[in-house]
Amino acid sequence: MATRINKYLSEVGYCSRRAADRLIEEGKVTINGEIPEIGAKVDDGDQVEVKGQKIEKSTIQKKIYLAFNKPVGIVCTTDRRLEPDNVIDFIQYPKRIFPIGRLDKLSEGLIFLTNDGDIVNKILRARNNHEKEYIVSVNRPINSDFIQSMSNGVKILETKTKNCFVKQLGAKKFKIILTQGLNRQIRRMCESLGYRVRSLKRVRIMNIKLDVPIGKYREFTKEELLELNRLLQKSLKTAD
């Protein structure tokens, strides 16, 4: 049965579908020696190569799901040539994996790494309303107006952020739970209200909580993976 090339590359654990589309656009993927278009399909017996490396379904490996506590200064990218502080070199996992989503260089905390390309869009798409929880410290005292404004949505990037849960934890510290992932969203929200983020830590993604030291990782437990798959059952993803 023919399979779209981006799905094929995600199924063999090479990269996510989104990353596969980028590789195709850059002309780094070939099917039987020819550069395909986005949406091209792979049949049994076709020879697929990425950057000259032959990719076969026989290379499919056990699915890997890691919870990693990213330190400040590490970048969530697989581009090891252009970014020396990339997460892949830092974690040095023995098999090919890639991060799900991003956590900016100045932030720390929970990020998932996997070789399961199909799970990526399900987790990342904002319309699926999957929760991400953060603990944030700012440069000056916050008050009830700040909490209410953050909760009700703030205008950034020519849009208004979705309503979200926000709770004050200290004079300059709060917890926030988001179901969307705009670029540097929390930092931009704070800046729009006249505050500057001093520290930002992600402590939960959906049902997975941060429980390892900074710079360390662990595999999902069987119970966590079962619950994650249950939560993702009705999630939308890129069409096949």
Protein backbone atom coordinates (compact mmCIF):
# COMPACT_ATOMS: atom_id res chain seq x y z
CA MET A 1 0.00 0.00 0.00
CA ALA A 2 1.39 3.43 -0.94
CA THR A 3 2.29 5.77 1.92
CA ARG A 4 2.94 9.51 1.80
CA ILE A 5 6.64 10.19 2.02
CA ASN A 6 6.36 12.37 5.14
CA LYS A 7 4.38 9.66 6.93
CA TYR A 8 6.87 7.03 5.77
CA LEU A 9 9.78 8.97 7.29
CA SER A 10 7.89 9.47 10.55
CA GLU A 11 6.94 5.79 10.77
CA VAL A 12 10.54 4.63 10.44
CA GLY A 13 11.50 7.07 13.20
CA TYR A 14 13.64 9.33 11.05
CA CYS A 15 11.85 12.60 11.87
CA SER A 16 8.42 14.18 12.33
CA ARG A 17 6.14 14.74 9.33
CA ARG A 18 6.71 18.49 9.56
CA ALA A 19 10.48 18.00 9.52
CA ALA A 20 10.10 15.55 6.61
CA ASP A 21 8.25 18.18 4.59
CA ARG A 22 11.11 20.64 5.21
CA LEU A 23 13.66 18.07 4.04
CA ILE A 24 11.62 17.45 0.89
CA GLU A 25 11.36 21.18 0.19
CA GLU A 26 15.14 21.46 0.59
CA GLY A 27 15.69 18.67 -1.95
CA LYS A 28 17.33 16.36 0.59
CA VAL A 29 14.93 13.45 0.03
CA THR A 30 14.83 11.17 -3.00
CA ILE A 31 12.53 8.34 -4.08
CA ASN A 32 14.24 6.01 -6.54
CA GLY A 33 16.87 8.67 -7.14
CA GLU A 34 14.42 11.49 -7.89
CA ILE A 35 13.45 14.44 -5.70
CA PRO A 36 9.71 14.12 -4.92
CA GLU A 37 7.07 16.78 -4.43
CA ILE A 38 5.30 17.34 -1.12
CA GLY A 39 2.60 14.64 -0.85
CA ALA A 40 4.39 12.12 -3.06
CA LYS A 41 3.83 8.49 -2.09
CA VAL A 42 6.14 5.57 -1.48
CA ASP A 43 5.29 2.06 -2.68
CA ASP A 44 6.75 -1.21 -1.48
CA GLY A 45 10.07 -1.69 -3.23
CA ASP A 46 10.77 2.02 -3.67
CA GLN A 47 14.19 3.21 -2.51
CA VAL A 48 14.04 6.21 -0.20
CA GLU A 49 17.14 8.21 0.72
CA VAL A 50 17.66 11.23 2.95
CA LYS A 51 20.89 13.15 2.43
CA GLY A 52 22.22 10.10 0.60
CA GLN A 53 21.36 7.69 3.42
CA LYS A 54 19.08 4.77 2.50
CA ILE A 55 15.95 4.63 4.68
CA GLU A 56 14.06 1.35 4.92
CA LYS A 57 11.04 0.19 6.88
CA SER A 58 13.19 -2.67 8.11
CA THR A 59 14.95 -0.02 10.20
CA ILE A 60 11.77 0.62 12.24
CA GLN A 61 12.74 0.55 15.89
CA LYS A 62 10.90 0.33 19.16
CA LYS A 63 9.10 3.59 19.85
CA ILE A 64 11.00 5.81 22.27
CA TYR A 65 9.33 8.36 24.57
CA LEU A 66 11.51 10.41 26.89
CA ALA A 67 10.72 13.09 29.47
CA PHE A 68 13.73 15.45 29.63
CA ASN A 69 14.41 18.31 32.04
CA LYS A 70 15.99 20.87 29.71
CA PRO A 71 18.50 23.25 31.28
CA VAL A 72 18.67 26.95 30.45
CA GLY A 73 20.99 27.47 27.47
CA ILE A 74 20.08 24.31 25.56
CA VAL A 75 18.23 24.74 22.26
CA CYS A 76 15.41 22.38 21.20
CA THR A 77 16.67 21.61 17.71
CA THR A 78 18.13 18.66 15.86
CA ASP A 79 20.34 20.93 13.75
CA ARG A 80 23.70 19.97 15.21
CA ARG A 81 25.77 21.86 12.64
CA LEU A 82 24.23 25.30 13.11
CA GLU A 83 23.49 25.10 16.85
CA PRO A 84 26.30 23.79 19.08
CA ASP A 85 24.08 23.89 22.19
CA ASN A 86 21.44 21.60 20.64
CA VAL A 87 19.43 19.15 22.71
CA ILE A 88 20.57 16.10 20.71
CA ASP A 89 24.27 16.55 21.47
CA PHE A 90 23.48 17.41 25.08
CA ILE A 91 21.35 14.35 25.77
CA GLN A 92 23.57 11.96 23.71
CA TYR A 93 20.87 9.31 23.42
CA PRO A 94 22.17 6.25 21.50
CA LYS A 95 19.28 6.22 18.99
CA ARG A 96 17.80 8.85 16.68
CA ILE A 97 15.20 10.97 18.50
CA PHE A 98 13.80 14.47 18.10
CA PRO A 99 12.02 16.93 20.42
CA ILE A 100 8.26 17.45 20.38
CA GLY A 101 7.77 21.20 20.27
CA ARG A 102 10.10 23.79 21.72
CA LEU A 103 11.15 25.42 24.94
CA ASP A 104 13.16 28.56 24.30
CA LYS A 105 16.85 28.80 25.15
CA LEU A 106 16.31 30.91 28.29
CA SER A 107 13.65 28.56 29.67
CA GLU A 108 14.00 25.24 31.45
CA GLY A 109 11.88 22.23 32.23
CA LEU A 110 9.93 19.42 30.63
CA ILE A 111 10.21 18.56 26.97
CA PHE A 112 9.41 15.29 25.23
CA LEU A 113 11.81 13.51 22.88
CA THR A 114 10.72 10.63 20.69
CA ASN A 115 11.22 8.72 17.45
CA ASP A 116 7.44 8.51 16.92
CA GLY A 117 6.66 11.05 14.23
CA ASP A 118 2.90 10.38 14.31
CA ILE A 119 2.50 11.60 17.89
CA VAL A 120 4.04 15.04 17.26
CA ASN A 121 1.17 16.89 15.58
CA LYS A 122 -1.39 15.37 17.93
CA ILE A 123 0.39 16.92 20.90
CA LEU A 124 1.33 20.23 19.29
CA ARG A 125 -1.86 21.31 17.54
CA ALA A 126 -3.51 24.04 19.61
CA ARG A 127 -7.02 22.96 18.55
CA ASN A 128 -6.51 19.75 20.52
CA ASN A 129 -6.38 21.80 23.75
CA HIS A 130 -3.64 19.80 25.46
CA GLU A 131 -2.43 21.41 28.69
CA LYS A 132 1.09 22.61 29.41
CA GLU A 133 1.86 23.94 32.89
CA TYR A 134 4.56 26.48 33.78
CA ILE A 135 5.99 28.14 36.87
CA VAL A 136 7.08 31.72 36.12
CA SER A 137 8.94 34.41 38.08
CA VAL A 138 8.88 38.05 36.99
CA ASN A 139 10.89 41.15 37.80
CA ARG A 140 8.39 42.97 40.01
CA PRO A 141 5.38 42.20 42.26
CA ILE A 142 2.21 40.98 40.61
CA ASN A 143 -1.36 41.67 41.70
CA SER A 144 -4.92 40.55 41.04
CA ASP A 145 -5.15 42.74 37.92
CA PHE A 146 -2.14 40.98 36.44
CA ILE A 147 -3.63 37.53 37.19
CA GLN A 148 -6.99 38.48 35.71
CA SER A 149 -5.45 40.00 32.58
CA MET A 150 -3.27 36.94 31.96
CA SER A 151 -6.27 34.65 32.57
CA ASN A 152 -8.60 36.50 30.21
CA GLY A 153 -6.13 36.70 27.33
CA VAL A 154 -3.54 39.23 26.21
CA LYS A 155 -3.04 40.75 22.77
CA ILE A 156 0.26 39.57 21.27
CA LEU A 157 1.41 38.77 17.74
CA GLU A 158 -1.70 40.39 16.25
CA THR A 159 -4.02 38.03 18.13
CA LYS A 160 -5.48 37.55 21.59
CA THR A 161 -4.34 34.59 23.63
CA LYS A 162 -6.88 32.02 24.77
CA ASN A 163 -8.35 32.17 28.25
CA CYS A 164 -6.17 30.16 30.61
CA PHE A 165 -5.72 29.21 34.25
CA VAL A 166 -3.36 31.47 36.22
CA LYS A 167 -2.65 31.32 39.97
CA GLN A 168 -0.37 33.53 42.05
CA LEU A 169 2.24 31.56 44.01
CA GLY A 170 4.27 34.39 45.52
CA ALA A 171 4.95 38.10 45.33
CA LYS A 172 6.61 37.72 41.92
CA LYS A 173 5.72 34.13 41.01
CA PHE A 174 2.73 32.49 39.33
CA LYS A 175 1.54 29.26 37.75
CA ILE A 176 -0.02 29.27 34.28
CA ILE A 177 -1.63 26.46 32.26
CA LEU A 178 -1.78 26.98 28.50
CA THR A 179 -3.52 25.05 25.74
CA GLN A 180 -1.79 26.90 22.90
CA GLY A 181 1.83 27.47 21.99
CA LEU A 182 2.48 30.81 20.37
CA ASN A 183 6.10 31.84 19.91
CA ARG A 184 7.52 32.91 23.31
CA GLN A 185 3.91 33.23 24.45
CA ILE A 186 4.34 33.65 28.20
CA ARG A 187 7.23 36.08 27.84
CA ARG A 188 5.26 38.17 25.34
CA MET A 189 2.15 38.12 27.54
CA CYS A 190 4.13 39.38 30.51
CA GLU A 191 5.89 42.04 28.43
CA SER A 192 2.56 43.34 27.15
CA LEU A 193 1.56 43.98 30.78
CA GLY A 194 4.84 45.69 31.65
CA TYR A 195 6.63 42.73 33.27
CA ARG A 196 9.81 40.88 32.38
CA VAL A 197 10.24 37.14 32.93
CA ARG A 198 13.14 36.26 35.22
CA SER A 199 12.69 32.48 35.12
CA LEU A 200 10.34 30.12 33.31
CA LYS A 201 10.01 26.40 33.96
CA ARG A 202 7.62 23.95 32.30
CA VAL A 203 6.54 21.39 34.89
CA ARG A 204 3.86 19.40 33.06
CA ILE A 205 2.73 18.42 29.56
CA MET A 206 -0.70 16.79 29.60
CA ASN A 207 -0.43 13.91 32.09
CA ILE A 208 3.38 13.83 32.27
CA LYS A 209 4.93 15.72 35.18
CA LEU A 210 8.50 16.94 35.54
CA ASP A 211 10.19 14.71 38.13
CA VAL A 212 13.84 14.38 37.07
CA PRO A 213 16.83 16.65 37.88
CA ILE A 214 17.93 19.36 35.44
CA GLY A 215 19.79 17.83 32.50
CA LYS A 216 18.43 14.32 33.09
CA TYR A 217 15.77 12.27 31.33
CA ARG A 218 13.66 9.17 31.85
CA GLU A 219 11.37 6.98 29.76
CA PHE A 220 7.62 7.31 30.10
CA THR A 221 6.11 4.69 32.37
CA LYS A 222 3.65 2.20 30.88
CA GLU A 223 0.86 3.89 32.83
CA GLU A 224 1.83 7.34 31.53
CA LEU A 225 1.95 6.13 27.94
CA LEU A 226 -1.43 4.43 28.21
CA GLU A 227 -3.00 7.59 29.63
CA LEU A 228 -1.26 9.78 27.03
CA ASN A 229 -2.61 7.62 24.20
CA ARG A 230 -6.08 7.79 25.77
CA LEU A 231 -5.89 11.60 25.85
CA LEU A 232 -4.71 11.64 22.23
CA GLN A 233 -7.39 9.31 20.87
CA LYS A 234 -9.62 12.13 19.64
CA SER A 235 -6.79 14.50 18.73
CA LEU A 236 -6.48 15.80 15.20
CA LYS A 237 -3.29 15.42 13.22
CA THR A 238 -1.99 16.10 9.75
CA ALA A 239 -4.11 14.30 7.19
CA ASP A 240 -2.64 11.10 5.73
